[in-house]
Amino acid sequence: MNMKRILLLLIAIIGFNVNGWSQDPDYTELIFKSKIRDYKKQKPSLEKLKLSKDDVKQIVILLGNSFYDENQIEDITEKIWLAFNDPKKFDYVYKDLAVRTIPNWNKKNFRDQIVVEPNPFLAEWTLANEEIPYFQTAIRMVLSYYKLMAYSEDAKNTKKNLRKLLYTRKMKFRAIASSDWTNYYLQSANNSIKNKGIVALIAANGQYDFFVCSIDKKEKLKTLFKKINWEFVLP
């Protein structure tokens, strides 16, 4: 590879990192306030977790090895595993990441204030009825931060998130119709992206979590997610 191609590659990598992580929270503008009176004191029990740490790494690899190198994949895996084990510690160690997993975390309210939950992962664990729903939410929150997964309750946000996911961020999708909803819009998106060798899968049973992956990797991902009772299907 000649020097010109090396320089172009370095510029592309640097540009991607700057664009992806340039908007760190400005804590002088944030008001930390929780709606939760008392957080759970106990940590999640991993005895109910059939998903091993290596399984988590395989999920990250299958979703992200086209975009992240080995060290980055290891880092994402470690973050997910810490979120599983100790949400309180995760919120403390990775404060910027945790805050940015909150939907519209940087939007001002009617009082012109930005009020955010100070412990997003611990809050999710506190609100969860048991471990499995929390594990599902925690892995989705981390993967969404790295643009490998998304959550959308309507077609408008589904389109918006498709433009954020790494597999589809450069693709164009049709306008939203009044009759659209999340599943139907993802069906339409799949018709557009199948010739690229990729596919969108959505969580079953009325959930709104979804991801895009290579078609040849979807069965492996479905099998891995089933270890936390999470079934993904074609929309």
C-alpha atoms as a PDB file:
ATOM      1  CA  MET A   1       0.000   0.000   0.000  1.00  0.00           C
ATOM      2  CA  ASN A   2       1.515   3.348  -1.040  1.00  0.00           C
ATOM      3  CA  MET A   3       1.835   6.374   1.256  1.00  0.00           C
ATOM      4  CA  LYS A   4      -1.113   8.215  -0.318  1.00  0.00           C
ATOM      5  CA  ARG A   5      -3.510   5.305   0.333  1.00  0.00           C
ATOM      6  CA  ILE A   6      -2.245   4.978   3.914  1.00  0.00           C
ATOM      7  CA  LEU A   7      -2.884   8.670   4.565  1.00  0.00           C
ATOM      8  CA  LEU A   8      -6.389   8.460   3.093  1.00  0.00           C
ATOM      9  CA  LEU A   9      -7.169   5.444   5.287  1.00  0.00           C
ATOM     10  CA  LEU A  10      -5.928   7.232   8.420  1.00  0.00           C
ATOM     11  CA  ILE A  11      -8.008  10.312   7.602  1.00  0.00           C
ATOM     12  CA  ALA A  12     -11.116   8.160   7.140  1.00  0.00           C
ATOM     13  CA  ILE A  13     -10.567   6.377  10.469  1.00  0.00           C
ATOM     14  CA  ILE A  14      -9.936   9.624  12.357  1.00  0.00           C
ATOM     15  CA  GLY A  15     -12.959  11.256  10.753  1.00  0.00           C
ATOM     16  CA  PHE A  16     -15.206   8.347  11.751  1.00  0.00           C
ATOM     17  CA  ASN A  17     -14.059   8.490  15.387  1.00  0.00           C
ATOM     18  CA  VAL A  18     -14.474  12.257  15.615  1.00  0.00           C
ATOM     19  CA  ASN A  19     -17.963  12.161  14.109  1.00  0.00           C
ATOM     20  CA  GLY A  20     -19.048   9.248  16.285  1.00  0.00           C
ATOM     21  CA  TRP A  21     -17.872  10.530  19.653  1.00  0.00           C
ATOM     22  CA  SER A  22     -17.595  14.320  19.372  1.00  0.00           C
ATOM     23  CA  GLN A  23     -20.664  15.283  21.431  1.00  0.00           C
ATOM     24  CA  ASP A  24     -19.624  14.440  24.973  1.00  0.00           C
ATOM     25  CA  PRO A  25     -21.998  15.649  27.688  1.00  0.00           C
ATOM     26  CA  ASP A  26     -21.326  19.151  29.014  1.00  0.00           C
ATOM     27  CA  TYR A  27     -21.958  18.562  32.710  1.00  0.00           C
ATOM     28  CA  THR A  28     -22.260  22.284  33.413  1.00  0.00           C
ATOM     29  CA  GLU A  29     -25.560  22.215  31.489  1.00  0.00           C
ATOM     30  CA  LEU A  30     -26.983  19.021  32.986  1.00  0.00           C
ATOM     31  CA  ILE A  31     -29.170  18.674  36.043  1.00  0.00           C
ATOM     32  CA  PHE A  32     -28.940  15.178  37.487  1.00  0.00           C
ATOM     33  CA  LYS A  33     -32.243  14.150  39.054  1.00  0.00           C
ATOM     34  CA  SER A  34     -33.776  10.709  39.351  1.00  0.00           C
ATOM     35  CA  LYS A  35     -37.445   9.784  39.521  1.00  0.00           C
ATOM     36  CA  ILE A  36     -36.433   6.714  41.503  1.00  0.00           C
ATOM     37  CA  ARG A  37     -36.439   7.072  45.275  1.00  0.00           C
ATOM     38  CA  ASP A  38     -34.433   4.004  46.150  1.00  0.00           C
ATOM     39  CA  TYR A  39     -32.195   2.072  43.783  1.00  0.00           C
ATOM     40  CA  LYS A  40     -31.770  -1.667  44.177  1.00  0.00           C
ATOM     41  CA  LYS A  41     -28.950  -2.497  46.544  1.00  0.00           C
ATOM     42  CA  GLN A  42     -28.243  -6.002  45.260  1.00  0.00           C
ATOM     43  CA  LYS A  43     -26.437  -6.657  42.012  1.00  0.00           C
ATOM     44  CA  PRO A  44     -27.945  -8.771  39.207  1.00  0.00           C
ATOM     45  CA  SER A  45     -27.459 -12.496  39.700  1.00  0.00           C
ATOM     46  CA  LEU A  46     -25.463 -14.034  36.884  1.00  0.00           C
ATOM     47  CA  GLU A  47     -26.754 -17.484  37.860  1.00  0.00           C
ATOM     48  CA  LYS A  48     -29.739 -16.789  35.621  1.00  0.00           C
ATOM     49  CA  LEU A  49     -27.497 -15.728  32.747  1.00  0.00           C
ATOM     50  CA  LYS A  50     -26.939 -18.499  30.211  1.00  0.00           C
ATOM     51  CA  LEU A  51     -25.038 -16.069  28.014  1.00  0.00           C
ATOM     52  CA  SER A  52     -21.303 -16.354  28.725  1.00  0.00           C
ATOM     53  CA  LYS A  53     -18.774 -13.573  28.335  1.00  0.00           C
ATOM     54  CA  ASP A  54     -17.495 -15.307  25.215  1.00  0.00           C
ATOM     55  CA  ASP A  55     -21.060 -15.373  23.870  1.00  0.00           C
ATOM     56  CA  VAL A  56     -21.247 -11.616  24.405  1.00  0.00           C
ATOM     57  CA  LYS A  57     -18.003 -11.194  22.498  1.00  0.00           C
ATOM     58  CA  GLN A  58     -19.368 -13.303  19.650  1.00  0.00           C
ATOM     59  CA  ILE A  59     -22.415 -11.039  19.431  1.00  0.00           C
ATOM     60  CA  VAL A  60     -20.171  -7.982  19.221  1.00  0.00           C
ATOM     61  CA  ILE A  61     -18.016  -9.676  16.588  1.00  0.00           C
ATOM     62  CA  LEU A  62     -20.984 -10.762  14.471  1.00  0.00           C
ATOM     63  CA  LEU A  63     -22.515  -7.285  14.577  1.00  0.00           C
ATOM     64  CA  GLY A  64     -19.392  -5.175  14.559  1.00  0.00           C
ATOM     65  CA  ASN A  65     -16.295  -6.810  13.084  1.00  0.00           C
ATOM     66  CA  SER A  66     -16.789  -4.908   9.829  1.00  0.00           C
ATOM     67  CA  PHE A  67     -16.449  -1.626  11.740  1.00  0.00           C
ATOM     68  CA  TYR A  68     -14.386  -2.254  14.880  1.00  0.00           C
ATOM     69  CA  ASP A  69     -10.953  -3.780  15.338  1.00  0.00           C
ATOM     70  CA  GLU A  70     -10.078  -6.546  17.809  1.00  0.00           C
ATOM     71  CA  ASN A  71      -9.190  -4.169  20.656  1.00  0.00           C
ATOM     72  CA  GLN A  72     -12.405  -2.200  20.230  1.00  0.00           C
ATOM     73  CA  ILE A  73     -14.470  -5.385  20.180  1.00  0.00           C
ATOM     74  CA  GLU A  74     -12.785  -6.492  23.401  1.00  0.00           C
ATOM     75  CA  ASP A  75     -13.519  -3.084  24.949  1.00  0.00           C
ATOM     76  CA  ILE A  76     -17.215  -3.209  23.999  1.00  0.00           C
ATOM     77  CA  THR A  77     -17.441  -6.751  25.387  1.00  0.00           C
ATOM     78  CA  GLU A  78     -15.906  -5.679  28.709  1.00  0.00           C
ATOM     79  CA  LYS A  79     -18.364  -2.807  28.991  1.00  0.00           C
ATOM     80  CA  ILE A  80     -21.368  -5.067  28.418  1.00  0.00           C
ATOM     81  CA  TRP A  81     -20.057  -7.588  30.926  1.00  0.00           C
ATOM     82  CA  LEU A  82     -19.557  -4.896  33.578  1.00  0.00           C
ATOM     83  CA  ALA A  83     -23.087  -3.603  32.927  1.00  0.00           C
ATOM     84  CA  PHE A  84     -24.384  -7.143  33.535  1.00  0.00           C
ATOM     85  CA  ASN A  85     -22.375  -7.600  36.723  1.00  0.00           C
ATOM     86  CA  ASP A  86     -22.529  -4.205  38.371  1.00  0.00           C
ATOM     87  CA  PRO A  87     -24.772  -1.491  36.866  1.00  0.00           C
ATOM     88  CA  LYS A  88     -23.900   0.958  39.651  1.00  0.00           C
ATOM     89  CA  LYS A  89     -20.190   0.653  38.951  1.00  0.00           C
ATOM     90  CA  PHE A  90     -20.813   0.874  35.213  1.00  0.00           C
ATOM     91  CA  ASP A  91     -22.641   4.195  35.637  1.00  0.00           C
ATOM     92  CA  TYR A  92     -19.691   5.519  37.642  1.00  0.00           C
ATOM     93  CA  VAL A  93     -16.844   4.257  35.442  1.00  0.00           C
ATOM     94  CA  TYR A  94     -18.491   5.039  32.080  1.00  0.00           C
ATOM     95  CA  LYS A  95     -20.519   8.130  33.002  1.00  0.00           C
ATOM     96  CA  ASP A  96     -20.403   9.729  29.531  1.00  0.00           C
ATOM     97  CA  LEU A  97     -21.521   6.533  27.801  1.00  0.00           C
ATOM     98  CA  ALA A  98     -24.261   5.886  30.362  1.00  0.00           C
ATOM     99  CA  VAL A  99     -25.704   9.397  30.035  1.00  0.00           C
ATOM    100  CA  ARG A 100     -25.680   9.228  26.240  1.00  0.00           C
ATOM    101  CA  THR A 101     -27.729   6.027  26.240  1.00  0.00           C
ATOM    102  CA  ILE A 102     -30.694   8.043  27.556  1.00  0.00           C
ATOM    103  CA  PRO A 103     -33.045   8.912  24.666  1.00  0.00           C
ATOM    104  CA  ASN A 104     -32.843  12.648  23.906  1.00  0.00           C
ATOM    105  CA  TRP A 105     -30.413  13.101  26.791  1.00  0.00           C
ATOM    106  CA  ASN A 106     -29.327  16.524  25.510  1.00  0.00           C
ATOM    107  CA  LYS A 107     -32.795  17.981  24.859  1.00  0.00           C
ATOM    108  CA  LYS A 108     -34.107  20.825  27.021  1.00  0.00           C
ATOM    109  CA  ASN A 109     -37.483  20.580  28.736  1.00  0.00           C
ATOM    110  CA  PHE A 110     -40.191  23.257  28.874  1.00  0.00           C
ATOM    111  CA  ARG A 111     -38.186  25.017  31.601  1.00  0.00           C
ATOM    112  CA  ASP A 112     -35.188  25.245  29.270  1.00  0.00           C
ATOM    113  CA  GLN A 113     -33.340  22.708  31.424  1.00  0.00           C
ATOM    114  CA  ILE A 114     -31.613  19.419  30.607  1.00  0.00           C
ATOM    115  CA  VAL A 115     -32.621  17.003  33.364  1.00  0.00           C
ATOM    116  CA  VAL A 116     -31.188  13.490  33.174  1.00  0.00           C
ATOM    117  CA  GLU A 117     -31.162  10.306  35.220  1.00  0.00           C
ATOM    118  CA  PRO A 118     -27.790  10.193  37.029  1.00  0.00           C
ATOM    119  CA  ASN A 119     -27.547   6.384  36.988  1.00  0.00           C
ATOM    120  CA  PRO A 120     -29.149   5.084  33.771  1.00  0.00           C
ATOM    121  CA  PHE A 121     -28.071   1.436  34.042  1.00  0.00           C
ATOM    122  CA  LEU A 122     -28.767   1.185  37.769  1.00  0.00           C
ATOM    123  CA  ALA A 123     -32.169   2.764  37.117  1.00  0.00           C
ATOM    124  CA  GLU A 124     -32.961   0.134  34.470  1.00  0.00           C
ATOM    125  CA  TRP A 125     -31.893  -2.625  36.855  1.00  0.00           C
ATOM    126  CA  THR A 126     -34.059  -1.127  39.629  1.00  0.00           C
ATOM    127  CA  LEU A 127     -37.111  -0.958  37.375  1.00  0.00           C
ATOM    128  CA  ALA A 128     -36.629  -4.461  35.962  1.00  0.00           C
ATOM    129  CA  ASN A 129     -38.755  -7.243  37.437  1.00  0.00           C
ATOM    130  CA  GLU A 130     -35.884  -9.694  37.168  1.00  0.00           C
ATOM    131  CA  GLU A 131     -32.453 -10.206  35.645  1.00  0.00           C
ATOM    132  CA  ILE A 132     -33.286 -11.321  32.093  1.00  0.00           C
ATOM    133  CA  PRO A 133     -35.202  -8.162  31.043  1.00  0.00           C
ATOM    134  CA  TYR A 134     -32.367  -6.090  32.502  1.00  0.00           C
ATOM    135  CA  PHE A 135     -29.705  -8.058  30.607  1.00  0.00           C
ATOM    136  CA  GLN A 136     -31.647  -7.463  27.385  1.00  0.00           C
ATOM    137  CA  THR A 137     -31.898  -3.735  28.053  1.00  0.00           C
ATOM    138  CA  ALA A 138     -28.273  -3.381  29.140  1.00  0.00           C
ATOM    139  CA  ILE A 139     -26.796  -5.076  26.074  1.00  0.00           C
ATOM    140  CA  ARG A 140     -29.086  -3.054  23.802  1.00  0.00           C
ATOM    141  CA  MET A 141     -28.067   0.214  25.492  1.00  0.00           C
ATOM    142  CA  VAL A 142     -24.353  -0.450  25.033  1.00  0.00           C
ATOM    143  CA  LEU A 143     -24.721  -1.778  21.478  1.00  0.00           C
ATOM    144  CA  SER A 144     -26.893   1.219  20.574  1.00  0.00           C
ATOM    145  CA  TYR A 145     -24.160   3.568  21.772  1.00  0.00           C
ATOM    146  CA  TYR A 146     -21.810   1.862  19.345  1.00  0.00           C
ATOM    147  CA  LYS A 147     -24.454   2.042  16.577  1.00  0.00           C
ATOM    148  CA  LEU A 148     -24.878  -1.727  16.333  1.00  0.00           C
ATOM    149  CA  MET A 149     -28.446  -1.905  17.657  1.00  0.00           C
ATOM    150  CA  ALA A 150     -31.454   0.389  17.991  1.00  0.00           C
ATOM    151  CA  TYR A 151     -34.849   0.850  19.622  1.00  0.00           C
ATOM    152  CA  SER A 152     -37.779   2.564  17.904  1.00  0.00           C
ATOM    153  CA  GLU A 153     -41.471   2.617  18.778  1.00  0.00           C
ATOM    154  CA  ASP A 154     -42.566   4.324  15.549  1.00  0.00           C
ATOM    155  CA  ALA A 155     -41.628   4.505  11.885  1.00  0.00           C
ATOM    156  CA  LYS A 156     -40.137   8.009  12.104  1.00  0.00           C
ATOM    157  CA  ASN A 157     -37.557   6.969  14.676  1.00  0.00           C
ATOM    158  CA  THR A 158     -37.004   3.663  12.887  1.00  0.00           C
ATOM    159  CA  LYS A 159     -35.885   5.543   9.798  1.00  0.00           C
ATOM    160  CA  LYS A 160     -33.796   7.883  11.941  1.00  0.00           C
ATOM    161  CA  ASN A 161     -32.055   4.961  13.624  1.00  0.00           C
ATOM    162  CA  LEU A 162     -31.433   3.142  10.348  1.00  0.00           C
ATOM    163  CA  ARG A 163     -29.469   6.215   9.326  1.00  0.00           C
ATOM    164  CA  LYS A 164     -27.384   5.841  12.502  1.00  0.00           C
ATOM    165  CA  LEU A 165     -26.665   2.095  12.415  1.00  0.00           C
ATOM    166  CA  LEU A 166     -23.241   1.400  10.949  1.00  0.00           C
ATOM    167  CA  TYR A 167     -24.495  -1.073   8.362  1.00  0.00           C
ATOM    168  CA  THR A 168     -27.078   1.323   6.935  1.00  0.00           C
ATOM    169  CA  ARG A 169     -25.868   4.825   7.819  1.00  0.00           C
ATOM    170  CA  LYS A 170     -25.020   5.711   4.213  1.00  0.00           C
ATOM    171  CA  MET A 171     -28.153   4.245   2.655  1.00  0.00           C
ATOM    172  CA  LYS A 172     -31.290   6.063   1.577  1.00  0.00           C
ATOM    173  CA  PHE A 173     -34.734   4.932   2.678  1.00  0.00           C
ATOM    174  CA  ARG A 174     -38.189   5.894   1.483  1.00  0.00           C
ATOM    175  CA  ALA A 175     -40.320   8.583   3.077  1.00  0.00           C
ATOM    176  CA  ILE A 176     -42.564   7.734   6.024  1.00  0.00           C
ATOM    177  CA  ALA A 177     -46.199   6.953   5.180  1.00  0.00           C
ATOM    178  CA  SER A 178     -49.089   7.636   7.553  1.00  0.00           C
ATOM    179  CA  SER A 179     -49.801   3.904   7.781  1.00  0.00           C
ATOM    180  CA  ASP A 180     -46.225   2.970   8.716  1.00  0.00           C
ATOM    181  CA  TRP A 181     -45.155   1.494  12.026  1.00  0.00           C
ATOM    182  CA  THR A 182     -41.850   0.028  13.160  1.00  0.00           C
ATOM    183  CA  ASN A 183     -42.302  -3.497  11.807  1.00  0.00           C
ATOM    184  CA  TYR A 184     -43.760  -2.393   8.487  1.00  0.00           C
ATOM    185  CA  TYR A 185     -41.022   0.172   7.882  1.00  0.00           C
ATOM    186  CA  LEU A 186     -38.341  -2.429   8.635  1.00  0.00           C
ATOM    187  CA  GLN A 187     -40.015  -4.778   6.136  1.00  0.00           C
ATOM    188  CA  SER A 188     -39.701  -2.048   3.537  1.00  0.00           C
ATOM    189  CA  ALA A 189     -36.100  -1.382   4.544  1.00  0.00           C
ATOM    190  CA  ASN A 190     -35.249  -5.063   4.127  1.00  0.00           C
ATOM    191  CA  ASN A 191     -36.484  -4.934   0.550  1.00  0.00           C
ATOM    192  CA  SER A 192     -34.009  -2.121  -0.045  1.00  0.00           C
ATOM    193  CA  ILE A 193     -30.981  -3.638   1.666  1.00  0.00           C
ATOM    194  CA  LYS A 194     -31.212  -7.352   0.852  1.00  0.00           C
ATOM    195  CA  ASN A 195     -29.187  -6.871  -2.327  1.00  0.00           C
ATOM    196  CA  LYS A 196     -26.369  -5.600  -0.082  1.00  0.00           C
ATOM    197  CA  GLY A 197     -26.291  -8.927   1.750  1.00  0.00           C
ATOM    198  CA  ILE A 198     -27.673  -7.502   4.978  1.00  0.00           C
ATOM    199  CA  VAL A 199     -30.963  -7.812   6.856  1.00  0.00           C
ATOM    200  CA  ALA A 200     -32.829  -6.172   9.747  1.00  0.00           C
ATOM    201  CA  LEU A 201     -34.196  -8.339  12.556  1.00  0.00           C
ATOM    202  CA  ILE A 202     -36.570  -7.138  15.274  1.00  0.00           C
ATOM    203  CA  ALA A 203     -37.323  -8.546  18.712  1.00  0.00           C
ATOM    204  CA  ALA A 204     -40.484 -10.661  18.825  1.00  0.00           C
ATOM    205  CA  ASN A 205     -43.485 -10.298  21.135  1.00  0.00           C
ATOM    206  CA  GLY A 206     -44.123  -6.612  20.553  1.00  0.00           C
ATOM    207  CA  GLN A 207     -40.675  -5.360  21.468  1.00  0.00           C
ATOM    208  CA  TYR A 208     -39.013  -2.602  19.454  1.00  0.00           C
ATOM    209  CA  ASP A 209     -35.332  -3.515  19.643  1.00  0.00           C
ATOM    210  CA  PHE A 210     -33.717  -4.243  16.278  1.00  0.00           C
ATOM    211  CA  PHE A 211     -30.377  -4.633  14.559  1.00  0.00           C
ATOM    212  CA  VAL A 212     -28.940  -5.011  11.067  1.00  0.00           C
ATOM    213  CA  CYS A 213     -26.445  -7.753  10.259  1.00  0.00           C
ATOM    214  CA  SER A 214     -25.006  -9.768   7.401  1.00  0.00           C
ATOM    215  CA  ILE A 215     -27.561 -12.295   6.156  1.00  0.00           C
ATOM    216  CA  ASP A 216     -25.108 -15.139   6.715  1.00  0.00           C
ATOM    217  CA  LYS A 217     -24.728 -14.169  10.406  1.00  0.00           C
ATOM    218  CA  LYS A 218     -28.374 -13.800  11.395  1.00  0.00           C
ATOM    219  CA  GLU A 219     -28.941 -17.406  12.531  1.00  0.00           C
ATOM    220  CA  LYS A 220     -25.889 -17.344  14.808  1.00  0.00           C
ATOM    221  CA  LEU A 221     -27.066 -14.067  16.323  1.00  0.00           C
ATOM    222  CA  LYS A 222     -30.586 -15.402  16.844  1.00  0.00           C
ATOM    223  CA  THR A 223     -29.162 -18.439  18.654  1.00  0.00           C
ATOM    224  CA  LEU A 224     -26.970 -16.307  20.916  1.00  0.00           C
ATOM    225  CA  PHE A 225     -29.742 -13.878  21.852  1.00  0.00           C
ATOM    226  CA  LYS A 226     -32.051 -16.778  22.722  1.00  0.00           C
ATOM    227  CA  LYS A 227     -29.703 -17.478  25.642  1.00  0.00           C
ATOM    228  CA  ILE A 228     -31.240 -14.435  27.312  1.00  0.00           C
ATOM    229  CA  ASN A 229     -34.763 -15.384  26.195  1.00  0.00           C
ATOM    230  CA  TRP A 230     -34.634 -12.822  23.404  1.00  0.00           C
ATOM    231  CA  GLU A 231     -36.078 -13.944  20.111  1.00  0.00           C
ATOM    232  CA  PHE A 232     -35.336 -11.936  16.982  1.00  0.00           C
ATOM    233  CA  VAL A 233     -37.339 -12.396  13.809  1.00  0.00           C
ATOM    234  CA  LEU A 234     -37.822 -10.915  10.383  1.00  0.00           C
ATOM    235  CA  PRO A 235     -40.231  -7.947  10.643  1.00  0.00           C
END
